[in-house]
């Protein structure tokens, strides 16, 4: 079981002049905030050190949204006619990872993990600027929702280097720098921009050995 402390970078791309304008508006009004993941893995390691892992991973990507506004909106914090709120993007993924375990020194040993995270559900919640410069909600089920995001975010590549400290014969403590890259866009084809996320994280957790 683990929690990962994540720094998440957004990538926006488009092929037209209008998409470049939208990209500029969104880049100027959105910002990176602390994000995190929680999860659990179940794995089997062969005598050679090679292994397989699966389980579940839930990631919460937080993005700041700040923009001048004079209309007044009930769902956000209003200070001096400024919208200042947090957008969230929640991923529920199933990992399929290959691993290689290596001996270390004293109570330490190491492993390398690489594979794919297959997205089961993707839940966006918040608001952003539409192509015409209006603040619009994109939360699923919201009134007057702007259609931009897919229901599933597709697969992501995952890689990590795990450092294990052997506490006793049953439990290890884990410190694991990791990298996650979205392969496909989270947005629908009709939306002017392709939106992807790249995550740099640090897993802290505990391992139970059967």
Protein backbone atom coordinates (compact mmCIF):
# COMPACT_ATOMS: atom_id res chain seq x y z
CA UNK A 1 0.00 0.00 0.00
CA UNK A 2 1.33 3.43 -0.86
CA UNK A 3 0.78 7.13 -1.37
CA UNK A 4 2.61 9.06 -4.10
CA UNK A 5 3.31 12.78 -3.80
CA UNK A 6 3.04 14.05 -7.38
CA UNK A 7 4.17 17.06 -9.39
CA UNK A 8 2.04 17.04 -12.56
CA UNK A 9 2.79 18.93 -15.78
CA UNK A 10 0.04 19.77 -18.27
CA UNK A 11 0.59 19.60 -22.03
CA UNK A 12 -1.79 21.43 -24.40
CA UNK A 13 -1.43 21.20 -28.16
CA UNK A 14 -3.49 22.15 -31.22
CA UNK A 15 -3.04 22.64 -34.94
CA UNK A 16 -4.99 25.86 -35.69
CA UNK A 17 -4.64 29.53 -34.82
CA UNK A 18 -7.83 29.40 -32.73
CA UNK A 19 -6.43 26.51 -30.70
CA UNK A 20 -3.26 28.53 -30.05
CA UNK A 21 -5.41 31.37 -28.68
CA UNK A 22 -7.26 28.94 -26.40
CA UNK A 23 -3.99 27.37 -25.31
CA UNK A 24 -2.67 30.79 -24.33
CA UNK A 25 -5.84 31.65 -22.37
CA UNK A 26 -5.79 28.36 -20.47
CA UNK A 27 -2.06 28.49 -19.78
CA UNK A 28 -2.39 32.00 -18.31
CA UNK A 29 -5.38 31.12 -16.11
CA UNK A 30 -4.34 27.67 -14.83
CA UNK A 31 -1.46 26.57 -12.61
CA UNK A 32 0.16 23.47 -11.13
CA UNK A 33 -0.79 22.46 -7.58
CA UNK A 34 0.15 19.61 -5.26
CA UNK A 35 -1.33 16.32 -6.49
CA UNK A 36 -1.22 12.79 -5.16
CA UNK A 37 -1.95 9.12 -5.84
CA UNK A 38 -2.91 6.25 -3.55
CA UNK A 39 -2.89 2.58 -4.39
CA UNK A 40 -2.12 -1.02 -3.68
CA UNK A 41 -0.16 -3.62 -5.62
CA UNK A 42 -0.14 -7.38 -5.63
CA UNK A 43 2.94 -9.02 -7.10
CA UNK A 44 4.91 -12.21 -7.55
CA UNK A 45 8.69 -12.33 -7.85
CA UNK A 46 10.43 -15.29 -9.46
CA UNK A 47 13.77 -16.65 -8.13
CA UNK A 48 15.52 -14.87 -11.03
CA UNK A 49 14.36 -11.50 -9.67
CA UNK A 50 11.84 -10.91 -12.47
CA UNK A 51 8.28 -10.28 -11.40
CA UNK A 52 4.76 -9.17 -12.28
CA UNK A 53 2.58 -6.67 -10.44
CA UNK A 54 -1.01 -5.47 -10.67
CA UNK A 55 -3.55 -3.85 -8.34
CA UNK A 56 -5.19 -0.42 -8.34
CA UNK A 57 -4.09 3.20 -8.50
CA UNK A 58 -6.19 6.32 -7.83
CA UNK A 59 -4.63 9.63 -8.88
CA UNK A 60 -5.92 13.09 -8.02
CA UNK A 61 -4.51 15.82 -10.25
CA UNK A 62 -5.13 19.33 -8.87
CA UNK A 63 -4.94 22.43 -11.05
CA UNK A 64 -5.41 26.01 -9.89
CA UNK A 65 -7.85 28.19 -11.87
CA UNK A 66 -7.67 31.96 -11.41
CA UNK A 67 -9.41 34.53 -13.58
CA UNK A 68 -10.93 38.01 -13.36
CA UNK A 69 -14.74 37.91 -13.37
CA UNK A 70 -17.59 40.30 -12.50
CA UNK A 71 -20.59 37.97 -12.78
CA UNK A 72 -20.24 36.28 -9.38
CA UNK A 73 -20.44 32.49 -9.26
CA UNK A 74 -21.72 30.52 -6.26
CA UNK A 75 -19.44 27.52 -6.78
CA UNK A 76 -16.12 29.34 -6.36
CA UNK A 77 -14.35 31.53 -3.87
CA UNK A 78 -14.77 35.19 -4.89
CA UNK A 79 -12.25 37.79 -3.69
CA UNK A 80 -12.04 41.23 -5.29
CA UNK A 81 -13.95 39.98 -8.36
CA UNK A 82 -11.41 37.20 -8.93
CA UNK A 83 -12.37 33.56 -9.48
CA UNK A 84 -9.89 31.51 -7.47
CA UNK A 85 -10.59 27.79 -7.26
CA UNK A 86 -9.12 24.32 -7.83
CA UNK A 87 -9.93 21.98 -10.71
CA UNK A 88 -9.55 18.26 -10.07
CA UNK A 89 -9.01 15.32 -12.41
CA UNK A 90 -9.43 11.88 -10.84
CA UNK A 91 -8.06 8.72 -12.47
CA UNK A 92 -8.86 5.15 -11.43
CA UNK A 93 -6.28 2.86 -13.04
CA UNK A 94 -5.29 -0.79 -13.13
CA UNK A 95 -1.49 -1.23 -13.38
CA UNK A 96 0.20 -4.04 -15.27
CA UNK A 97 3.89 -3.84 -14.42
CA UNK A 98 7.01 -5.86 -15.03
CA UNK A 99 9.63 -5.66 -12.30
CA UNK A 100 13.19 -6.71 -11.56
CA UNK A 101 14.40 -7.05 -7.99
CA UNK A 102 18.06 -6.59 -7.03
CA UNK A 103 19.96 -7.25 -3.84
CA UNK A 104 21.41 -4.29 -1.97
CA UNK A 105 23.54 -3.58 1.08
CA UNK A 106 22.58 -4.41 4.64
CA UNK A 107 18.82 -4.02 5.18
CA UNK A 108 18.28 -2.42 1.73
CA UNK A 109 17.32 -3.89 -1.65
CA UNK A 110 16.03 -2.36 -4.87
CA UNK A 111 13.67 -2.96 -7.79
CA UNK A 112 12.84 -1.47 -11.16
CA UNK A 113 9.21 -1.32 -12.36
CA UNK A 114 7.85 -0.48 -15.81
CA UNK A 115 4.56 -1.02 -17.63
CA UNK A 116 1.17 0.51 -18.29
CA UNK A 117 -1.65 1.95 -16.23
CA UNK A 118 -5.01 1.17 -17.86
CA UNK A 119 -7.63 3.78 -17.02
CA UNK A 120 -11.03 2.54 -15.85
CA UNK A 121 -12.68 5.88 -15.12
CA UNK A 122 -11.69 9.52 -15.52
CA UNK A 123 -13.61 12.22 -13.61
CA UNK A 124 -12.96 15.92 -14.34
CA UNK A 125 -14.41 18.50 -11.93
CA UNK A 126 -14.14 22.27 -12.24
CA UNK A 127 -14.20 25.04 -14.81
CA UNK A 128 -12.00 26.64 -17.42
CA UNK A 129 -12.07 29.13 -20.28
CA UNK A 130 -14.00 28.17 -23.40
CA UNK A 131 -12.72 29.08 -26.90
CA UNK A 132 -14.72 32.34 -26.78
CA UNK A 133 -13.16 33.35 -23.45
CA UNK A 134 -16.11 32.54 -21.15
CA UNK A 135 -15.74 30.71 -17.85
CA UNK A 136 -17.63 27.42 -18.23
CA UNK A 137 -18.01 24.31 -16.03
CA UNK A 138 -16.77 20.95 -17.26
CA UNK A 139 -17.90 18.87 -14.28
CA UNK A 140 -19.76 15.75 -15.38
CA UNK A 141 -23.47 16.18 -14.71
CA UNK A 142 -23.22 19.94 -14.16
CA UNK A 143 -25.84 22.24 -15.67
CA UNK A 144 -24.63 23.86 -18.92
CA UNK A 145 -21.57 21.62 -18.86
CA UNK A 146 -19.00 22.26 -21.59
CA UNK A 147 -18.20 18.97 -23.32
CA UNK A 148 -14.43 18.58 -23.47
CA UNK A 149 -13.28 15.41 -21.70
CA UNK A 150 -13.53 11.70 -22.35
CA UNK A 151 -15.06 9.27 -19.86
CA UNK A 152 -11.85 7.23 -19.94
CA UNK A 153 -8.38 8.72 -20.22
CA UNK A 154 -6.72 5.76 -21.93
CA UNK A 155 -3.41 4.18 -20.95
CA UNK A 156 -0.35 5.76 -19.38
CA UNK A 157 3.27 4.60 -19.31
CA UNK A 158 4.68 4.13 -15.80
CA UNK A 159 8.24 3.57 -14.61
CA UNK A 160 9.85 3.67 -11.17
CA UNK A 161 12.91 2.79 -9.10
CA UNK A 162 12.04 1.33 -5.70
CA UNK A 163 14.28 1.41 -2.63
CA UNK A 164 13.19 -1.01 0.10
CA UNK A 165 14.23 -1.05 3.75
CA UNK A 166 13.70 -4.45 5.42
CA UNK A 167 12.03 -3.82 8.76
CA UNK A 168 11.55 -7.52 9.56
CA UNK A 169 10.77 -10.79 7.78
CA UNK A 170 7.25 -9.58 6.95
CA UNK A 171 7.34 -5.83 6.32
CA UNK A 172 9.42 -3.44 4.19
CA UNK A 173 9.31 0.35 3.97
CA UNK A 174 9.33 1.71 0.40
CA UNK A 175 10.69 4.91 -1.16
CA UNK A 176 10.04 4.94 -4.92
CA UNK A 177 10.62 7.84 -7.34
CA UNK A 178 8.28 7.37 -10.30
CA UNK A 179 7.33 8.75 -13.70
CA UNK A 180 3.94 8.58 -15.46
CA UNK A 181 3.18 9.75 -19.01
CA UNK A 182 -0.30 9.86 -20.59
CA UNK A 183 -0.20 8.19 -23.99
CA UNK A 184 -3.47 9.59 -25.36
CA UNK A 185 -5.34 12.85 -24.95
CA UNK A 186 -7.95 13.26 -22.20
CA UNK A 187 -10.08 15.48 -24.44
CA UNK A 188 -12.63 14.48 -27.08
CA UNK A 189 -11.80 14.93 -30.80
CA UNK A 190 -14.21 17.88 -31.12
CA UNK A 191 -12.33 19.92 -28.52
CA UNK A 192 -9.71 22.26 -30.10
CA UNK A 193 -6.85 21.11 -27.84
CA UNK A 194 -5.21 17.80 -27.00
CA UNK A 195 -4.64 17.69 -23.26
CA UNK A 196 -2.14 15.32 -21.61
CA UNK A 197 -0.45 15.05 -18.24
CA UNK A 198 3.03 13.96 -17.18
CA UNK A 199 3.63 13.15 -13.53
CA UNK A 200 6.82 13.04 -11.46
CA UNK A 201 6.16 11.46 -8.10
CA UNK A 202 7.63 9.99 -4.94
CA UNK A 203 5.93 6.90 -3.52
CA UNK A 204 6.12 6.22 0.22
CA UNK A 205 4.60 2.98 1.40
CA UNK A 206 4.79 -0.35 3.15
CA UNK A 207 5.15 -3.85 1.70
CA UNK A 208 3.83 -7.06 3.24
CA UNK A 209 5.63 -10.24 2.15
CA UNK A 210 3.73 -13.54 2.11
